[in-house]
Amino acid sequence: MLTPGDSQSLFDLFTGLPLHPLIIHIVIVMLPLAALAMIVVMVFPRLRKPYLPVALGASVIATASAYVAVKSGEALQERVGWPGVHAELGDTVFPLTALFTLASIGWAVTSRWKTTAAVWLSRVIAVAVVSLAIAAITFLVLAGHSGAKATWEDRIGAPASIMEELPAVPGRIENR
């Protein structure tokens, strides 16, 4: 186990705090946003020109932040121990997000072609985009839930009387 001064990698600490719980929030926001944006631009052709770059940008940011989340999770694991199923679920989010991004880019390219074969290819890729978005978001939710459970389950289950056992802290509002 590492102590705070034993930073081992770029992905370990950010201003003295573990990078992992900070970076995951970018994934949590950007992946569903990218998925929703891609679905909107696929369903409404008039919105493609202004919003397709935004959708693709969000998917690239989601993929990059998912990669950093995996690497920072590995660094955090060195400090606190193996997080169990959370690590396995989290390791699945990055490849699914990367495939979603690649499929989105593929759809953006093929949707501009006008041949019959290209239209069908574009439709197949659109199904892949939606399927990968659903899979990536599902694993993101499962990984997030398992991480939150591993972090908070023992702490939230504390009895309400624990507040009475804590030392007096100036400014703390007492439950009465």
N, C-alpha and C. Protein backbone atom coordinates (compact mmCIF):
# COMPACT_ATOMS: atom_id res chain seq x y z
N MET A 1 0.84 -1.18 0.00
CA MET A 1 0.00 0.00 0.00
C MET A 1 0.88 1.25 0.00
N LEU A 2 0.41 2.25 -0.69
CA LEU A 2 1.17 3.50 -0.79
C LEU A 2 0.65 4.51 0.22
N THR A 3 1.51 5.40 0.61
CA THR A 3 1.10 6.53 1.44
C THR A 3 1.01 7.75 0.54
N PRO A 4 0.39 8.86 0.99
CA PRO A 4 0.20 10.02 0.13
C PRO A 4 1.47 10.54 -0.53
N GLY A 5 2.63 10.39 0.07
CA GLY A 5 3.85 10.89 -0.53
C GLY A 5 4.47 9.94 -1.54
N ASP A 6 3.89 8.74 -1.71
CA ASP A 6 4.47 7.71 -2.58
C ASP A 6 3.83 7.68 -3.96
N SER A 7 3.47 8.81 -4.51
CA SER A 7 2.82 8.85 -5.81
C SER A 7 3.62 8.08 -6.84
N GLN A 8 2.97 7.15 -7.49
CA GLN A 8 3.64 6.26 -8.44
C GLN A 8 3.41 6.64 -9.90
N SER A 9 2.38 7.37 -10.22
CA SER A 9 2.09 7.62 -11.63
C SER A 9 1.37 8.94 -11.81
N LEU A 10 1.29 9.31 -13.07
CA LEU A 10 0.56 10.51 -13.46
C LEU A 10 -0.92 10.42 -13.07
N PHE A 11 -1.43 9.20 -12.99
CA PHE A 11 -2.85 8.98 -12.74
C PHE A 11 -3.18 8.79 -11.26
N ASP A 12 -2.24 9.00 -10.38
CA ASP A 12 -2.43 8.71 -8.97
C ASP A 12 -3.17 9.83 -8.23
N LEU A 13 -2.48 10.94 -7.98
CA LEU A 13 -3.06 12.02 -7.18
C LEU A 13 -3.15 13.31 -7.99
N PHE A 14 -4.14 14.11 -7.65
CA PHE A 14 -4.31 15.45 -8.22
C PHE A 14 -4.53 16.39 -7.05
N THR A 15 -3.63 17.30 -6.84
CA THR A 15 -3.62 18.22 -5.69
C THR A 15 -3.79 17.48 -4.36
N GLY A 16 -3.14 16.32 -4.27
CA GLY A 16 -3.17 15.56 -3.03
C GLY A 16 -4.37 14.65 -2.86
N LEU A 17 -5.29 14.66 -3.81
CA LEU A 17 -6.48 13.81 -3.74
C LEU A 17 -6.40 12.73 -4.81
N PRO A 18 -7.00 11.57 -4.57
CA PRO A 18 -7.01 10.54 -5.62
C PRO A 18 -7.72 11.07 -6.88
N LEU A 19 -7.11 10.88 -8.02
CA LEU A 19 -7.68 11.36 -9.28
C LEU A 19 -8.95 10.60 -9.65
N HIS A 20 -9.03 9.33 -9.29
CA HIS A 20 -10.14 8.48 -9.73
C HIS A 20 -11.53 9.03 -9.40
N PRO A 21 -11.82 9.36 -8.14
CA PRO A 21 -13.18 9.87 -7.87
C PRO A 21 -13.45 11.22 -8.51
N LEU A 22 -12.42 11.92 -8.91
CA LEU A 22 -12.63 13.19 -9.60
C LEU A 22 -12.95 12.97 -11.08
N ILE A 23 -12.19 12.11 -11.75
CA ILE A 23 -12.32 11.92 -13.20
C ILE A 23 -13.59 11.15 -13.57
N ILE A 24 -14.05 10.28 -12.69
CA ILE A 24 -15.22 9.48 -13.05
C ILE A 24 -16.45 10.35 -13.30
N HIS A 25 -16.48 11.52 -12.68
CA HIS A 25 -17.64 12.39 -12.89
C HIS A 25 -17.69 12.93 -14.32
N ILE A 26 -16.55 13.06 -14.95
CA ILE A 26 -16.54 13.47 -16.36
C ILE A 26 -17.16 12.38 -17.22
N VAL A 27 -16.80 11.13 -16.95
CA VAL A 27 -17.38 10.01 -17.69
C VAL A 27 -18.89 9.94 -17.45
N ILE A 28 -19.28 10.11 -16.20
CA ILE A 28 -20.69 10.01 -15.82
C ILE A 28 -21.54 11.04 -16.56
N VAL A 29 -20.98 12.21 -16.82
CA VAL A 29 -21.72 13.26 -17.53
C VAL A 29 -21.60 13.10 -19.04
N MET A 30 -20.37 12.89 -19.53
CA MET A 30 -20.13 12.95 -20.97
C MET A 30 -20.66 11.74 -21.74
N LEU A 31 -20.59 10.54 -21.17
CA LEU A 31 -21.06 9.37 -21.91
C LEU A 31 -22.56 9.41 -22.19
N PRO A 32 -23.41 9.63 -21.20
CA PRO A 32 -24.85 9.74 -21.54
C PRO A 32 -25.16 10.94 -22.43
N LEU A 33 -24.45 12.04 -22.22
CA LEU A 33 -24.65 13.22 -23.07
C LEU A 33 -24.28 12.90 -24.52
N ALA A 34 -23.16 12.23 -24.73
CA ALA A 34 -22.74 11.85 -26.08
C ALA A 34 -23.74 10.88 -26.71
N ALA A 35 -24.21 9.92 -25.92
CA ALA A 35 -25.18 8.95 -26.43
C ALA A 35 -26.47 9.64 -26.85
N LEU A 36 -26.97 10.51 -25.99
CA LEU A 36 -28.20 11.24 -26.32
C LEU A 36 -28.00 12.13 -27.54
N ALA A 37 -26.87 12.81 -27.60
CA ALA A 37 -26.60 13.69 -28.74
C ALA A 37 -26.51 12.90 -30.04
N MET A 38 -25.87 11.74 -30.00
CA MET A 38 -25.78 10.92 -31.22
C MET A 38 -27.15 10.44 -31.66
N ILE A 39 -27.96 10.03 -30.73
CA ILE A 39 -29.32 9.58 -31.09
C ILE A 39 -30.10 10.73 -31.70
N VAL A 40 -30.00 11.91 -31.12
CA VAL A 40 -30.71 13.08 -31.66
C VAL A 40 -30.26 13.39 -33.08
N VAL A 41 -28.96 13.41 -33.34
CA VAL A 41 -28.50 13.74 -34.69
C VAL A 41 -28.81 12.63 -35.69
N MET A 42 -28.93 11.39 -35.22
CA MET A 42 -29.31 10.30 -36.14
C MET A 42 -30.79 10.35 -36.49
N VAL A 43 -31.60 10.77 -35.54
CA VAL A 43 -33.06 10.79 -35.75
C VAL A 43 -33.51 12.06 -36.48
N PHE A 44 -32.86 13.18 -36.22
CA PHE A 44 -33.26 14.46 -36.81
C PHE A 44 -32.16 14.98 -37.75
N PRO A 45 -32.29 14.68 -39.05
CA PRO A 45 -31.24 15.07 -40.01
C PRO A 45 -30.93 16.56 -40.03
N ARG A 46 -31.90 17.41 -39.77
CA ARG A 46 -31.64 18.86 -39.83
C ARG A 46 -30.73 19.32 -38.69
N LEU A 47 -30.57 18.51 -37.65
CA LEU A 47 -29.70 18.86 -36.52
C LEU A 47 -28.27 18.33 -36.69
N ARG A 48 -28.02 17.57 -37.76
CA ARG A 48 -26.71 16.96 -37.92
C ARG A 48 -25.60 17.98 -38.08
N LYS A 49 -25.80 18.92 -38.96
CA LYS A 49 -24.72 19.86 -39.24
C LYS A 49 -24.29 20.64 -38.00
N PRO A 50 -25.22 21.22 -37.24
CA PRO A 50 -24.75 21.98 -36.08
C PRO A 50 -24.33 21.13 -34.88
N TYR A 51 -24.92 19.93 -34.71
CA TYR A 51 -24.71 19.19 -33.47
C TYR A 51 -23.87 17.92 -33.59
N LEU A 52 -23.61 17.44 -34.79
CA LEU A 52 -22.78 16.25 -34.93
C LEU A 52 -21.37 16.48 -34.38
N PRO A 53 -20.73 17.62 -34.64
CA PRO A 53 -19.41 17.83 -34.03
C PRO A 53 -19.45 17.83 -32.49
N VAL A 54 -20.52 18.36 -31.93
CA VAL A 54 -20.67 18.36 -30.47
C VAL A 54 -20.82 16.93 -29.96
N ALA A 55 -21.64 16.14 -30.63
CA ALA A 55 -21.85 14.75 -30.23
C ALA A 55 -20.56 13.95 -30.32
N LEU A 56 -19.83 14.13 -31.41
CA LEU A 56 -18.57 13.40 -31.57
C LEU A 56 -17.53 13.88 -30.56
N GLY A 57 -17.50 15.17 -30.31
CA GLY A 57 -16.57 15.71 -29.30
C GLY A 57 -16.87 15.16 -27.92
N ALA A 58 -18.15 15.09 -27.57
CA ALA A 58 -18.54 14.54 -26.27
C ALA A 58 -18.14 13.07 -26.16
N SER A 59 -18.28 12.32 -27.26
CA SER A 59 -17.91 10.90 -27.21
C SER A 59 -16.40 10.73 -27.08
N VAL A 60 -15.62 11.59 -27.72
CA VAL A 60 -14.16 11.52 -27.59
C VAL A 60 -13.75 11.87 -26.15
N ILE A 61 -14.37 12.90 -25.58
CA ILE A 61 -14.07 13.27 -24.19
C ILE A 61 -14.47 12.13 -23.24
N ALA A 62 -15.61 11.50 -23.49
CA ALA A 62 -16.04 10.37 -22.66
C ALA A 62 -15.04 9.23 -22.73
N THR A 63 -14.54 8.95 -23.94
CA THR A 63 -13.58 7.86 -24.10
C THR A 63 -12.26 8.18 -23.41
N ALA A 64 -11.77 9.39 -23.61
CA ALA A 64 -10.50 9.78 -22.97
C ALA A 64 -10.62 9.76 -21.45
N SER A 65 -11.73 10.26 -20.93
CA SER A 65 -11.90 10.27 -19.47
C SER A 65 -12.13 8.86 -18.93
N ALA A 66 -12.75 7.97 -19.71
CA ALA A 66 -12.90 6.58 -19.28
C ALA A 66 -11.54 5.90 -19.19
N TYR A 67 -10.65 6.22 -20.12
CA TYR A 67 -9.30 5.67 -20.07
C TYR A 67 -8.57 6.16 -18.81
N VAL A 68 -8.67 7.45 -18.54
CA VAL A 68 -8.03 8.01 -17.35
C VAL A 68 -8.67 7.42 -16.09
N ALA A 69 -9.97 7.17 -16.12
CA ALA A 69 -10.64 6.57 -14.96
C ALA A 69 -10.09 5.17 -14.68
N VAL A 70 -9.85 4.39 -15.73
CA VAL A 70 -9.28 3.05 -15.54
C VAL A 70 -7.88 3.15 -14.94
N LYS A 71 -7.05 4.00 -15.53
CA LYS A 71 -5.67 4.14 -15.06
C LYS A 71 -5.62 4.70 -13.64
N SER A 72 -6.46 5.68 -13.34
CA SER A 72 -6.47 6.25 -11.99
C SER A 72 -7.08 5.27 -10.99
N GLY A 73 -8.00 4.43 -11.45
CA GLY A 73 -8.54 3.38 -10.59
C GLY A 73 -7.47 2.36 -10.22
N GLU A 74 -6.62 2.04 -11.19
CA GLU A 74 -5.50 1.13 -10.90
C GLU A 74 -4.54 1.76 -9.88
N ALA A 75 -4.29 3.06 -10.02
CA ALA A 75 -3.41 3.75 -9.07
C ALA A 75 -4.05 3.78 -7.68
N LEU A 76 -5.35 4.02 -7.62
CA LEU A 76 -6.04 4.04 -6.34
C LEU A 76 -6.04 2.64 -5.71
N GLN A 77 -6.15 1.63 -6.54
CA GLN A 77 -6.12 0.25 -6.06
C GLN A 77 -4.80 -0.05 -5.35
N GLU A 78 -3.72 0.55 -5.82
CA GLU A 78 -2.42 0.37 -5.17
C GLU A 78 -2.44 0.95 -3.75
N ARG A 79 -3.26 1.94 -3.52
CA ARG A 79 -3.34 2.59 -2.21
C ARG A 79 -4.30 1.90 -1.26
N VAL A 80 -5.45 1.47 -1.76
CA VAL A 80 -6.51 1.00 -0.86
C VAL A 80 -6.84 -0.49 -1.01
N GLY A 81 -6.28 -1.16 -1.99
CA GLY A 81 -6.58 -2.57 -2.18
C GLY A 81 -7.55 -2.79 -3.32
N TRP A 82 -7.72 -4.05 -3.67
CA TRP A 82 -8.56 -4.42 -4.81
C TRP A 82 -10.03 -4.16 -4.51
N PRO A 83 -10.73 -3.44 -5.41
CA PRO A 83 -12.13 -3.09 -5.15
C PRO A 83 -13.14 -4.15 -5.59
N GLY A 84 -12.69 -5.32 -5.93
CA GLY A 84 -13.59 -6.41 -6.28
C GLY A 84 -14.26 -6.21 -7.63
N VAL A 85 -15.53 -6.49 -7.68
CA VAL A 85 -16.28 -6.46 -8.93
C VAL A 85 -16.27 -5.06 -9.56
N HIS A 86 -16.10 -4.04 -8.77
CA HIS A 86 -16.04 -2.67 -9.29
C HIS A 86 -14.95 -2.54 -10.35
N ALA A 87 -13.79 -3.11 -10.11
CA ALA A 87 -12.69 -3.03 -11.06
C ALA A 87 -13.03 -3.74 -12.37
N GLU A 88 -13.65 -4.89 -12.26
CA GLU A 88 -14.02 -5.65 -13.46
C GLU A 88 -15.06 -4.90 -14.28
N LEU A 89 -16.05 -4.36 -13.63
CA LEU A 89 -17.07 -3.59 -14.35
C LEU A 89 -16.48 -2.32 -14.96
N GLY A 90 -15.67 -1.64 -14.18
CA GLY A 90 -15.05 -0.41 -14.67
C GLY A 90 -14.12 -0.65 -15.84
N ASP A 91 -13.40 -1.78 -15.84
CA ASP A 91 -12.52 -2.10 -16.96
C ASP A 91 -13.30 -2.34 -18.25
N THR A 92 -14.57 -2.67 -18.15
CA THR A 92 -15.41 -2.90 -19.33
C THR A 92 -15.92 -1.59 -19.92
N VAL A 93 -16.04 -0.56 -19.11
CA VAL A 93 -16.59 0.72 -19.58
C VAL A 93 -15.71 1.33 -20.67
N PHE A 94 -14.40 1.32 -20.48
CA PHE A 94 -13.52 1.96 -21.46
C PHE A 94 -13.64 1.34 -22.86
N PRO A 95 -13.49 0.01 -23.03
CA PRO A 95 -13.59 -0.52 -24.38
C PRO A 95 -14.96 -0.29 -25.03
N LEU A 96 -16.02 -0.38 -24.24
CA LEU A 96 -17.35 -0.11 -24.79
C LEU A 96 -17.49 1.35 -25.22
N THR A 97 -16.95 2.25 -24.42
CA THR A 97 -17.01 3.68 -24.76
C THR A 97 -16.17 3.95 -26.00
N ALA A 98 -15.00 3.33 -26.10
CA ALA A 98 -14.16 3.51 -27.28
C ALA A 98 -14.85 2.97 -28.54
N LEU A 99 -15.49 1.81 -28.42
CA LEU A 99 -16.22 1.26 -29.57
C LEU A 99 -17.41 2.15 -29.95
N PHE A 100 -18.08 2.69 -28.94
CA PHE A 100 -19.18 3.63 -29.20
C PHE A 100 -18.67 4.84 -29.99
N THR A 101 -17.52 5.38 -29.59
CA THR A 101 -16.95 6.53 -30.27
C THR A 101 -16.56 6.18 -31.70
N LEU A 102 -15.91 5.05 -31.89
CA LEU A 102 -15.52 4.63 -33.23
C LEU A 102 -16.74 4.40 -34.13
N ALA A 103 -17.76 3.77 -33.57
CA ALA A 103 -18.99 3.56 -34.34
C ALA A 103 -19.66 4.90 -34.67
N SER A 104 -19.62 5.83 -33.74
CA SER A 104 -20.21 7.16 -33.99
C SER A 104 -19.48 7.87 -35.13
N ILE A 105 -18.17 7.78 -35.11
CA ILE A 105 -17.38 8.38 -36.19
C ILE A 105 -17.68 7.67 -37.51
N GLY A 106 -17.78 6.35 -37.47
CA GLY A 106 -18.14 5.59 -38.67
C GLY A 106 -19.49 5.98 -39.21
N TRP A 107 -20.45 6.17 -38.32
CA TRP A 107 -21.77 6.61 -38.76
C TRP A 107 -21.71 8.02 -39.36
N ALA A 108 -20.94 8.90 -38.74
CA ALA A 108 -20.82 10.28 -39.25
C ALA A 108 -20.27 10.29 -40.68
N VAL A 109 -19.35 9.39 -40.95
CA VAL A 109 -18.77 9.32 -42.29
C VAL A 109 -19.75 8.69 -43.28
N THR A 110 -20.31 7.54 -42.93
CA THR A 110 -21.19 6.83 -43.87
C THR A 110 -22.52 7.51 -44.08
N SER A 111 -22.97 8.31 -43.12
CA SER A 111 -24.27 8.96 -43.28
C SER A 111 -24.25 10.03 -44.37
N ARG A 112 -23.08 10.44 -44.81
CA ARG A 112 -22.96 11.45 -45.88
C ARG A 112 -22.99 10.81 -47.27
N TRP A 113 -22.76 9.52 -47.34
CA TRP A 113 -22.75 8.84 -48.63
C TRP A 113 -24.18 8.60 -49.08
N LYS A 114 -24.42 8.63 -50.39
CA LYS A 114 -25.79 8.56 -50.90
C LYS A 114 -26.14 7.27 -51.63
N THR A 115 -25.22 6.34 -51.80
CA THR A 115 -25.55 5.10 -52.50
C THR A 115 -26.45 4.24 -51.63
N THR A 116 -27.14 3.32 -52.26
CA THR A 116 -28.04 2.43 -51.52
C THR A 116 -27.28 1.59 -50.51
N ALA A 117 -26.14 1.08 -50.91
CA ALA A 117 -25.34 0.26 -49.99
C ALA A 117 -24.86 1.10 -48.80
N ALA A 118 -24.48 2.35 -49.05
CA ALA A 118 -24.01 3.22 -47.97
C ALA A 118 -25.14 3.56 -47.00
N VAL A 119 -26.34 3.74 -47.53
CA VAL A 119 -27.49 4.04 -46.66
C VAL A 119 -27.74 2.86 -45.73
N TRP A 120 -27.67 1.63 -46.26
CA TRP A 120 -27.86 0.45 -45.43
C TRP A 120 -26.74 0.28 -44.43
N LEU A 121 -25.51 0.55 -44.87
CA LEU A 121 -24.37 0.48 -43.95
C LEU A 121 -24.52 1.50 -42.83
N SER A 122 -24.97 2.68 -43.18
CA SER A 122 -25.20 3.73 -42.19
C SER A 122 -26.25 3.30 -41.16
N ARG A 123 -27.29 2.63 -41.63
CA ARG A 123 -28.33 2.16 -40.72
C ARG A 123 -27.81 1.07 -39.78
N VAL A 124 -27.00 0.18 -40.31
CA VAL A 124 -26.42 -0.89 -39.47
C VAL A 124 -25.50 -0.27 -38.41
N ILE A 125 -24.71 0.69 -38.83
CA ILE A 125 -23.80 1.35 -37.88
C ILE A 125 -24.61 2.13 -36.84
N ALA A 126 -25.73 2.72 -37.26
CA ALA A 126 -26.58 3.45 -36.30
C ALA A 126 -27.09 2.51 -35.22
N VAL A 127 -27.48 1.30 -35.60
CA VAL A 127 -27.93 0.31 -34.62
C VAL A 127 -26.76 -0.04 -33.68
N ALA A 128 -25.57 -0.17 -34.24
CA ALA A 128 -24.39 -0.45 -33.41
C ALA A 128 -24.11 0.70 -32.44
N VAL A 129 -24.26 1.93 -32.91
CA VAL A 129 -24.04 3.11 -32.04
C VAL A 129 -24.99 3.07 -30.85
N VAL A 130 -26.26 2.85 -31.13
CA VAL A 130 -27.25 2.82 -30.05
C VAL A 130 -27.00 1.63 -29.11
N SER A 131 -26.69 0.47 -29.67
CA SER A 131 -26.44 -0.71 -28.85
C SER A 131 -25.20 -0.52 -27.97
N LEU A 132 -24.15 0.02 -28.55
CA LEU A 132 -22.94 0.27 -27.76
C LEU A 132 -23.16 1.34 -26.70
N ALA A 133 -23.96 2.35 -27.02
CA ALA A 133 -24.27 3.38 -26.02
C ALA A 133 -25.02 2.77 -24.84
N ILE A 134 -25.99 1.93 -25.13
CA ILE A 134 -26.76 1.28 -24.06
C ILE A 134 -25.85 0.39 -23.23
N ALA A 135 -25.00 -0.39 -23.88
CA ALA A 135 -24.09 -1.28 -23.16
C ALA A 135 -23.10 -0.48 -22.30
N ALA A 136 -22.51 0.57 -22.87
CA ALA A 136 -21.53 1.37 -22.12
C ALA A 136 -22.18 2.05 -20.92
N ILE A 137 -23.36 2.60 -21.11
CA ILE A 137 -24.04 3.28 -20.00
C ILE A 137 -24.47 2.27 -18.93
N THR A 138 -24.89 1.09 -19.36
CA THR A 138 -25.27 0.05 -18.39
C THR A 138 -24.07 -0.33 -17.52
N PHE A 139 -22.93 -0.57 -18.16
CA PHE A 139 -21.73 -0.92 -17.38
C PHE A 139 -21.26 0.26 -16.54
N LEU A 140 -21.43 1.47 -17.04
CA LEU A 140 -21.07 2.66 -16.26
C LEU A 140 -21.89 2.73 -14.98
N VAL A 141 -23.19 2.50 -15.10
CA VAL A 141 -24.08 2.53 -13.93
C VAL A 141 -23.72 1.40 -12.96
N LEU A 142 -23.50 0.20 -13.49
CA LEU A 142 -23.15 -0.93 -12.62
C LEU A 142 -21.81 -0.69 -11.92
N ALA A 143 -20.83 -0.19 -12.66
CA ALA A 143 -19.53 0.10 -12.05
C ALA A 143 -19.66 1.20 -11.00
N GLY A 144 -20.41 2.23 -11.32
CA GLY A 144 -20.61 3.32 -10.36
C GLY A 144 -21.30 2.85 -9.10
N HIS A 145 -22.32 2.01 -9.27
CA HIS A 145 -23.03 1.50 -8.11
C HIS A 145 -22.12 0.64 -7.24
N SER A 146 -21.36 -0.24 -7.88
CA SER A 146 -20.48 -1.12 -7.10
C SER A 146 -19.37 -0.32 -6.42
N GLY A 147 -18.88 0.74 -7.07
CA GLY A 147 -17.86 1.59 -6.45
C GLY A 147 -18.42 2.36 -5.27
N ALA A 148 -19.61 2.91 -5.45
CA ALA A 148 -20.24 3.64 -4.34
C ALA A 148 -20.55 2.69 -3.19
N LYS A 149 -20.99 1.49 -3.51
CA LYS A 149 -21.31 0.51 -2.47
C LYS A 149 -20.04 0.13 -1.70
N ALA A 150 -18.95 -0.10 -2.44
CA ALA A 150 -17.69 -0.46 -1.78
C ALA A 150 -17.17 0.68 -0.91
N THR A 151 -17.41 1.90 -1.34
CA THR A 151 -16.91 3.06 -0.60
C THR A 151 -17.78 3.41 0.59
N TRP A 152 -19.08 3.36 0.42
CA TRP A 152 -19.99 3.93 1.43
C TRP A 152 -20.80 2.94 2.24
N GLU A 153 -20.93 1.71 1.81
CA GLU A 153 -21.85 0.77 2.48
C GLU A 153 -21.57 0.63 3.97
N ASP A 154 -20.32 0.47 4.34
CA ASP A 154 -20.00 0.31 5.77
C ASP A 154 -20.20 1.60 6.55
N ARG A 155 -20.06 2.73 5.90
CA ARG A 155 -20.16 4.03 6.58
C ARG A 155 -21.59 4.49 6.75
N ILE A 156 -22.43 4.25 5.77
CA ILE A 156 -23.82 4.68 5.83
C ILE A 156 -24.63 3.84 6.81
N GLY A 157 -24.22 2.60 7.00
CA GLY A 157 -24.92 1.71 7.91
C GLY A 157 -24.65 2.00 9.37
N ALA A 158 -23.87 3.05 9.67
CA ALA A 158 -23.55 3.39 11.06
C ALA A 158 -24.82 3.81 11.80
N PRO A 159 -24.91 3.47 13.07
CA PRO A 159 -26.11 3.85 13.83
C PRO A 159 -26.23 5.37 13.98
N ALA A 160 -27.44 5.84 14.11
CA ALA A 160 -27.70 7.27 14.25
C ALA A 160 -27.05 7.82 15.51
N SER A 161 -26.85 7.00 16.53
CA SER A 161 -26.28 7.47 17.79
C SER A 161 -24.80 7.80 17.68
N ILE A 162 -24.19 7.51 16.55
CA ILE A 162 -22.77 7.82 16.39
C ILE A 162 -22.51 9.32 16.50
N MET A 163 -23.48 10.14 16.15
CA MET A 163 -23.33 11.60 16.26
C MET A 163 -23.12 11.99 17.72
N GLU A 164 -23.71 11.23 18.62
CA GLU A 164 -23.55 11.54 20.03
C GLU A 164 -22.16 11.19 20.53
N GLU A 165 -21.50 10.25 19.88
CA GLU A 165 -20.17 9.81 20.30
C GLU A 165 -19.06 10.70 19.74
N LEU A 166 -19.36 11.50 18.74
CA LEU A 166 -18.35 12.35 18.13
C LEU A 166 -18.00 13.51 19.06
N PRO A 167 -16.73 13.95 19.03
CA PRO A 167 -16.36 15.10 19.86
C PRO A 167 -17.04 16.36 19.34
N ALA A 168 -17.19 17.33 20.22
CA ALA A 168 -17.82 18.59 19.84
C ALA A 168 -16.97 19.29 18.79
N VAL A 169 -17.60 19.76 17.73
CA VAL A 169 -16.92 20.48 16.66
C VAL A 169 -17.59 21.84 16.53
N PRO A 170 -16.80 22.92 16.64
CA PRO A 170 -17.39 24.25 16.51
C PRO A 170 -18.12 24.38 15.17
N GLY A 171 -19.33 24.87 15.18
CA GLY A 171 -20.09 25.09 13.97
C GLY A 171 -20.93 23.90 13.51
N ARG A 172 -20.75 22.73 14.14
CA ARG A 172 -21.53 21.54 13.73
C ARG A 172 -22.95 21.70 14.26
N ILE A 173 -23.89 21.43 13.42
CA ILE A 173 -25.30 21.48 13.81
C ILE A 173 -25.65 20.16 14.47
N GLU A 174 -26.12 20.22 15.67
CA GLU A 174 -26.48 19.01 16.41
C GLU A 174 -27.87 18.55 16.01
N ASN A 175 -28.06 17.25 15.90
CA ASN A 175 -29.39 16.69 15.64
C ASN A 175 -30.14 16.60 16.95
N ARG A 176 -31.25 17.27 17.04
CA ARG A 176 -32.06 17.23 18.27
C ARG A 176 -33.47 16.93 17.96
